[in-house]
Amino acid sequence: MLARTYRCGLDAAIDVVGGRWKALILWALHAEPLRFGELKRKVNGISEKMLIQALRELEADEVVHREVFHEIPPKVEYSLTDLGQRLNTALLPLGDWGEENMAGIAKRRGVTPAPPHTP
């Protein structure tokens, strides 16, 4: 297997948030820690398998923290680390760009756009 080399900082960042779900998971965790089921409900359309895989990768990249509470029933919460919070902040302009251009992008790709986001 060949060693991976990042060509620039954007290459490294895309490696962390790449794929369909990771940025949406990070966004879902921006306000507060969430349990697995809550996170699955907030990331509409993600399968349990994909959520588990993405969370493991984000945890390995140290942008998501997994905390296990030893109680009955068992409880696990996911939250952003400081690194994850900084990454989410960096993604905000990308989200703004997407909101501003969503209608045109959706039209060109044959996708139904979401209703306008209200903070």
N, C-alpha and C. Protein backbone atom coordinates (compact mmCIF):
# COMPACT_ATOMS: atom_id res chain seq x y z
N MET A 1 0.84 -1.18 0.00
CA MET A 1 0.00 0.00 0.00
C MET A 1 0.89 1.24 0.00
N LEU A 2 0.57 2.20 -0.85
CA LEU A 2 1.35 3.43 -0.93
C LEU A 2 0.98 4.37 0.20
N ALA A 3 2.01 5.06 0.72
CA ALA A 3 1.76 6.05 1.76
C ALA A 3 1.03 7.24 1.16
N ARG A 4 0.09 7.77 1.91
CA ARG A 4 -0.68 8.94 1.45
C ARG A 4 0.09 10.20 1.77
N THR A 5 0.08 11.15 0.85
CA THR A 5 0.71 12.45 1.06
C THR A 5 -0.32 13.53 0.81
N TYR A 6 -0.46 14.43 1.76
CA TYR A 6 -1.37 15.56 1.55
C TYR A 6 -0.66 16.61 0.72
N ARG A 7 -1.36 17.12 -0.29
CA ARG A 7 -0.78 18.14 -1.16
C ARG A 7 -0.92 19.54 -0.57
N CYS A 8 -1.92 19.72 0.31
CA CYS A 8 -2.14 21.03 0.93
C CYS A 8 -3.09 20.83 2.12
N GLY A 9 -3.32 21.91 2.86
CA GLY A 9 -4.22 21.83 4.01
C GLY A 9 -5.64 21.46 3.64
N LEU A 10 -6.10 21.92 2.49
CA LEU A 10 -7.46 21.58 2.05
C LEU A 10 -7.57 20.07 1.82
N ASP A 11 -6.53 19.47 1.28
CA ASP A 11 -6.50 18.03 1.06
C ASP A 11 -6.67 17.29 2.39
N ALA A 12 -5.97 17.75 3.42
CA ALA A 12 -6.07 17.12 4.74
C ALA A 12 -7.47 17.32 5.32
N ALA A 13 -8.02 18.53 5.19
CA ALA A 13 -9.35 18.82 5.73
C ALA A 13 -10.42 17.99 5.03
N ILE A 14 -10.33 17.88 3.70
CA ILE A 14 -11.30 17.10 2.95
C ILE A 14 -11.22 15.63 3.34
N ASP A 15 -10.02 15.16 3.66
CA ASP A 15 -9.86 13.77 4.10
C ASP A 15 -10.64 13.51 5.39
N VAL A 16 -10.70 14.52 6.26
CA VAL A 16 -11.42 14.38 7.54
C VAL A 16 -12.93 14.46 7.33
N VAL A 17 -13.41 15.39 6.51
CA VAL A 17 -14.86 15.59 6.37
C VAL A 17 -15.42 14.99 5.09
N GLY A 18 -14.59 14.30 4.33
CA GLY A 18 -15.03 13.76 3.05
C GLY A 18 -16.16 12.75 3.21
N GLY A 19 -16.89 12.56 2.14
CA GLY A 19 -18.02 11.65 2.15
C GLY A 19 -19.32 12.41 2.35
N ARG A 20 -20.38 11.68 2.24
CA ARG A 20 -21.71 12.30 2.27
C ARG A 20 -22.14 12.74 3.67
N TRP A 21 -21.70 12.05 4.71
CA TRP A 21 -22.32 12.21 6.02
C TRP A 21 -21.54 12.98 7.06
N LYS A 22 -20.22 13.02 6.97
CA LYS A 22 -19.42 13.55 8.07
C LYS A 22 -19.71 15.01 8.40
N ALA A 23 -19.79 15.85 7.39
CA ALA A 23 -20.08 17.26 7.65
C ALA A 23 -21.46 17.42 8.29
N LEU A 24 -22.42 16.59 7.87
CA LEU A 24 -23.77 16.66 8.45
C LEU A 24 -23.77 16.20 9.91
N ILE A 25 -22.94 15.21 10.22
CA ILE A 25 -22.81 14.76 11.60
C ILE A 25 -22.19 15.85 12.45
N LEU A 26 -21.13 16.48 11.94
CA LEU A 26 -20.49 17.58 12.67
C LEU A 26 -21.49 18.70 12.92
N TRP A 27 -22.27 19.04 11.90
CA TRP A 27 -23.25 20.11 12.06
C TRP A 27 -24.31 19.74 13.10
N ALA A 28 -24.74 18.49 13.10
CA ALA A 28 -25.76 18.05 14.07
C ALA A 28 -25.23 18.16 15.50
N LEU A 29 -23.92 18.01 15.67
CA LEU A 29 -23.34 18.07 17.01
C LEU A 29 -22.93 19.48 17.43
N HIS A 30 -23.18 20.49 16.60
CA HIS A 30 -22.67 21.83 16.89
C HIS A 30 -23.24 22.45 18.16
N ALA A 31 -24.46 22.16 18.50
CA ALA A 31 -25.10 22.85 19.62
C ALA A 31 -24.93 22.13 20.95
N GLU A 32 -24.92 20.80 20.90
CA GLU A 32 -24.91 20.04 22.16
C GLU A 32 -24.51 18.59 21.90
N PRO A 33 -24.04 17.90 22.94
CA PRO A 33 -23.78 16.47 22.79
C PRO A 33 -25.09 15.73 22.51
N LEU A 34 -25.00 14.66 21.74
CA LEU A 34 -26.18 13.87 21.39
C LEU A 34 -25.91 12.39 21.58
N ARG A 35 -26.96 11.68 21.97
CA ARG A 35 -26.90 10.22 22.01
C ARG A 35 -27.04 9.69 20.59
N PHE A 36 -26.69 8.43 20.40
CA PHE A 36 -26.67 7.83 19.07
C PHE A 36 -28.02 7.99 18.37
N GLY A 37 -29.11 7.63 19.04
CA GLY A 37 -30.43 7.71 18.43
C GLY A 37 -30.82 9.13 18.06
N GLU A 38 -30.47 10.09 18.92
CA GLU A 38 -30.77 11.49 18.62
C GLU A 38 -29.99 11.95 17.38
N LEU A 39 -28.74 11.54 17.32
CA LEU A 39 -27.90 11.90 16.19
C LEU A 39 -28.44 11.29 14.90
N LYS A 40 -28.87 10.04 14.96
CA LYS A 40 -29.43 9.36 13.79
C LYS A 40 -30.68 10.09 13.28
N ARG A 41 -31.51 10.57 14.20
CA ARG A 41 -32.71 11.31 13.81
C ARG A 41 -32.36 12.66 13.18
N LYS A 42 -31.31 13.31 13.65
CA LYS A 42 -30.93 14.62 13.13
C LYS A 42 -30.26 14.53 11.76
N VAL A 43 -29.59 13.42 11.49
CA VAL A 43 -28.92 13.23 10.20
C VAL A 43 -29.85 12.36 9.35
N ASN A 44 -30.81 13.00 8.75
CA ASN A 44 -31.87 12.33 8.01
C ASN A 44 -31.32 11.49 6.86
N GLY A 45 -31.71 10.21 6.82
CA GLY A 45 -31.36 9.34 5.71
C GLY A 45 -30.13 8.47 5.94
N ILE A 46 -29.37 8.71 7.00
CA ILE A 46 -28.17 7.91 7.24
C ILE A 46 -28.56 6.56 7.85
N SER A 47 -27.90 5.50 7.40
CA SER A 47 -28.16 4.19 7.98
C SER A 47 -27.37 4.05 9.28
N GLU A 48 -27.79 3.13 10.11
CA GLU A 48 -27.09 2.88 11.37
C GLU A 48 -25.63 2.48 11.11
N LYS A 49 -25.43 1.64 10.11
CA LYS A 49 -24.07 1.19 9.77
C LYS A 49 -23.18 2.37 9.36
N MET A 50 -23.69 3.25 8.51
CA MET A 50 -22.90 4.40 8.06
C MET A 50 -22.63 5.37 9.19
N LEU A 51 -23.62 5.57 10.08
CA LEU A 51 -23.41 6.46 11.21
C LEU A 51 -22.32 5.92 12.13
N ILE A 52 -22.37 4.63 12.41
CA ILE A 52 -21.33 4.01 13.26
C ILE A 52 -19.96 4.18 12.61
N GLN A 53 -19.86 3.90 11.31
CA GLN A 53 -18.58 3.99 10.61
C GLN A 53 -18.05 5.43 10.62
N ALA A 54 -18.91 6.38 10.30
CA ALA A 54 -18.49 7.78 10.25
C ALA A 54 -18.08 8.28 11.64
N LEU A 55 -18.84 7.90 12.68
CA LEU A 55 -18.49 8.32 14.04
C LEU A 55 -17.14 7.75 14.46
N ARG A 56 -16.87 6.50 14.10
CA ARG A 56 -15.56 5.90 14.42
C ARG A 56 -14.43 6.65 13.74
N GLU A 57 -14.63 7.01 12.48
CA GLU A 57 -13.60 7.74 11.75
C GLU A 57 -13.40 9.14 12.33
N LEU A 58 -14.49 9.83 12.65
CA LEU A 58 -14.39 11.16 13.24
C LEU A 58 -13.74 11.10 14.62
N GLU A 59 -14.02 10.04 15.37
CA GLU A 59 -13.39 9.86 16.67
C GLU A 59 -11.89 9.59 16.50
N ALA A 60 -11.53 8.78 15.53
CA ALA A 60 -10.11 8.50 15.26
C ALA A 60 -9.37 9.76 14.83
N ASP A 61 -10.07 10.67 14.14
CA ASP A 61 -9.47 11.94 13.73
C ASP A 61 -9.51 12.99 14.83
N GLU A 62 -10.05 12.60 15.98
CA GLU A 62 -10.11 13.45 17.19
C GLU A 62 -10.95 14.72 17.01
N VAL A 63 -11.99 14.63 16.17
CA VAL A 63 -12.91 15.75 16.04
C VAL A 63 -14.22 15.47 16.77
N VAL A 64 -14.47 14.20 17.08
CA VAL A 64 -15.65 13.81 17.86
C VAL A 64 -15.19 13.02 19.07
N HIS A 65 -15.82 13.31 20.21
CA HIS A 65 -15.53 12.59 21.46
C HIS A 65 -16.71 11.69 21.78
N ARG A 66 -16.42 10.46 22.15
CA ARG A 66 -17.44 9.49 22.55
C ARG A 66 -17.30 9.26 24.04
N GLU A 67 -18.35 9.58 24.78
CA GLU A 67 -18.32 9.39 26.23
C GLU A 67 -19.33 8.32 26.64
N VAL A 68 -18.83 7.34 27.36
CA VAL A 68 -19.67 6.23 27.84
C VAL A 68 -19.98 6.49 29.30
N PHE A 69 -21.27 6.51 29.61
CA PHE A 69 -21.72 6.65 31.00
C PHE A 69 -22.05 5.26 31.51
N HIS A 70 -21.41 4.87 32.58
CA HIS A 70 -21.63 3.53 33.13
C HIS A 70 -22.84 3.56 34.05
N GLU A 71 -23.98 3.38 33.45
CA GLU A 71 -25.25 3.36 34.16
C GLU A 71 -26.16 2.36 33.47
N ILE A 72 -27.30 2.13 34.07
CA ILE A 72 -28.25 1.19 33.50
C ILE A 72 -29.52 1.96 33.19
N PRO A 73 -29.99 1.96 31.95
CA PRO A 73 -29.37 1.35 30.77
C PRO A 73 -28.11 2.13 30.37
N PRO A 74 -27.20 1.47 29.63
CA PRO A 74 -25.97 2.15 29.21
C PRO A 74 -26.28 3.39 28.38
N LYS A 75 -25.44 4.40 28.52
CA LYS A 75 -25.65 5.66 27.82
C LYS A 75 -24.34 6.09 27.18
N VAL A 76 -24.39 6.49 25.91
CA VAL A 76 -23.22 6.98 25.19
C VAL A 76 -23.61 8.32 24.57
N GLU A 77 -22.75 9.32 24.72
CA GLU A 77 -22.98 10.62 24.09
C GLU A 77 -21.81 10.97 23.20
N TYR A 78 -22.13 11.65 22.11
CA TYR A 78 -21.12 12.13 21.17
C TYR A 78 -21.11 13.65 21.22
N SER A 79 -19.91 14.21 21.22
CA SER A 79 -19.77 15.66 21.24
C SER A 79 -18.56 16.05 20.40
N LEU A 80 -18.47 17.33 20.07
CA LEU A 80 -17.33 17.83 19.33
C LEU A 80 -16.17 18.12 20.28
N THR A 81 -14.97 17.79 19.86
CA THR A 81 -13.78 18.19 20.59
C THR A 81 -13.48 19.64 20.20
N ASP A 82 -12.46 20.23 20.81
CA ASP A 82 -12.06 21.58 20.40
C ASP A 82 -11.69 21.61 18.92
N LEU A 83 -10.99 20.57 18.47
CA LEU A 83 -10.62 20.46 17.06
C LEU A 83 -11.88 20.38 16.19
N GLY A 84 -12.87 19.63 16.63
CA GLY A 84 -14.13 19.51 15.90
C GLY A 84 -14.90 20.81 15.86
N GLN A 85 -14.87 21.57 16.95
CA GLN A 85 -15.55 22.87 16.97
C GLN A 85 -14.88 23.84 16.00
N ARG A 86 -13.55 23.80 15.94
CA ARG A 86 -12.83 24.66 15.00
C ARG A 86 -13.12 24.25 13.56
N LEU A 87 -13.24 22.95 13.33
CA LEU A 87 -13.58 22.46 11.99
C LEU A 87 -14.99 22.91 11.61
N ASN A 88 -15.93 22.82 12.53
CA ASN A 88 -17.30 23.28 12.24
C ASN A 88 -17.31 24.77 11.91
N THR A 89 -16.53 25.54 12.64
CA THR A 89 -16.44 26.98 12.36
C THR A 89 -15.91 27.21 10.95
N ALA A 90 -14.92 26.42 10.56
CA ALA A 90 -14.36 26.54 9.21
C ALA A 90 -15.38 26.15 8.14
N LEU A 91 -16.31 25.27 8.47
CA LEU A 91 -17.32 24.82 7.50
C LEU A 91 -18.48 25.80 7.34
N LEU A 92 -18.63 26.74 8.27
CA LEU A 92 -19.75 27.68 8.21
C LEU A 92 -19.82 28.44 6.88
N PRO A 93 -18.71 29.02 6.38
CA PRO A 93 -18.81 29.70 5.08
C PRO A 93 -19.22 28.77 3.94
N LEU A 94 -18.81 27.53 3.99
CA LEU A 94 -19.23 26.56 2.97
C LEU A 94 -20.74 26.34 3.04
N GLY A 95 -21.27 26.23 4.26
CA GLY A 95 -22.72 26.09 4.42
C GLY A 95 -23.47 27.31 3.93
N ASP A 96 -22.91 28.50 4.20
CA ASP A 96 -23.54 29.74 3.71
C ASP A 96 -23.56 29.76 2.18
N TRP A 97 -22.43 29.37 1.58
CA TRP A 97 -22.35 29.31 0.12
C TRP A 97 -23.41 28.34 -0.42
N GLY A 98 -23.54 27.19 0.24
CA GLY A 98 -24.53 26.21 -0.19
C GLY A 98 -25.95 26.73 -0.10
N GLU A 99 -26.25 27.44 1.01
CA GLU A 99 -27.59 28.03 1.17
C GLU A 99 -27.88 29.03 0.05
N GLU A 100 -26.89 29.88 -0.25
CA GLU A 100 -27.07 30.92 -1.27
C GLU A 100 -27.25 30.33 -2.67
N ASN A 101 -26.65 29.19 -2.92
CA ASN A 101 -26.64 28.62 -4.27
C ASN A 101 -27.44 27.33 -4.41
N MET A 102 -28.15 26.95 -3.35
CA MET A 102 -28.84 25.66 -3.32
C MET A 102 -29.85 25.49 -4.45
N ALA A 103 -30.63 26.51 -4.72
CA ALA A 103 -31.67 26.38 -5.75
C ALA A 103 -31.05 26.05 -7.11
N GLY A 104 -30.01 26.76 -7.48
CA GLY A 104 -29.36 26.52 -8.77
C GLY A 104 -28.68 25.17 -8.82
N ILE A 105 -28.01 24.80 -7.74
CA ILE A 105 -27.34 23.50 -7.68
C ILE A 105 -28.38 22.38 -7.81
N ALA A 106 -29.46 22.52 -7.04
CA ALA A 106 -30.52 21.50 -7.07
C ALA A 106 -31.12 21.37 -8.46
N LYS A 107 -31.36 22.50 -9.11
CA LYS A 107 -31.94 22.48 -10.46
C LYS A 107 -31.02 21.75 -11.43
N ARG A 108 -29.72 22.08 -11.40
CA ARG A 108 -28.77 21.46 -12.32
C ARG A 108 -28.60 19.96 -12.06
N ARG A 109 -28.78 19.54 -10.82
CA ARG A 109 -28.59 18.13 -10.47
C ARG A 109 -29.89 17.35 -10.39
N GLY A 110 -31.02 18.01 -10.59
CA GLY A 110 -32.30 17.32 -10.53
C GLY A 110 -32.69 16.89 -9.14
N VAL A 111 -32.37 17.72 -8.15
CA VAL A 111 -32.63 17.41 -6.74
C VAL A 111 -33.61 18.45 -6.21
N THR A 112 -34.45 18.05 -5.27
CA THR A 112 -35.37 18.98 -4.63
C THR A 112 -34.62 19.72 -3.52
N PRO A 113 -34.57 21.06 -3.59
CA PRO A 113 -33.87 21.80 -2.55
C PRO A 113 -34.64 21.81 -1.23
N ALA A 114 -33.91 21.91 -0.15
CA ALA A 114 -34.53 22.05 1.17
C ALA A 114 -35.14 23.43 1.27
N PRO A 115 -36.12 23.60 2.16
CA PRO A 115 -36.65 24.95 2.38
C PRO A 115 -35.53 25.83 2.93
N PRO A 116 -35.61 27.14 2.74
CA PRO A 116 -34.57 28.03 3.25
C PRO A 116 -34.33 27.83 4.74
N HIS A 117 -33.08 27.86 5.14
CA HIS A 117 -32.70 27.68 6.54
C HIS A 117 -32.98 28.95 7.32
N THR A 118 -33.61 28.80 8.46
CA THR A 118 -33.82 29.94 9.34
C THR A 118 -33.12 29.65 10.65
N PRO A 119 -32.22 30.55 11.07
CA PRO A 119 -31.45 30.32 12.31
C PRO A 119 -32.29 30.30 13.55
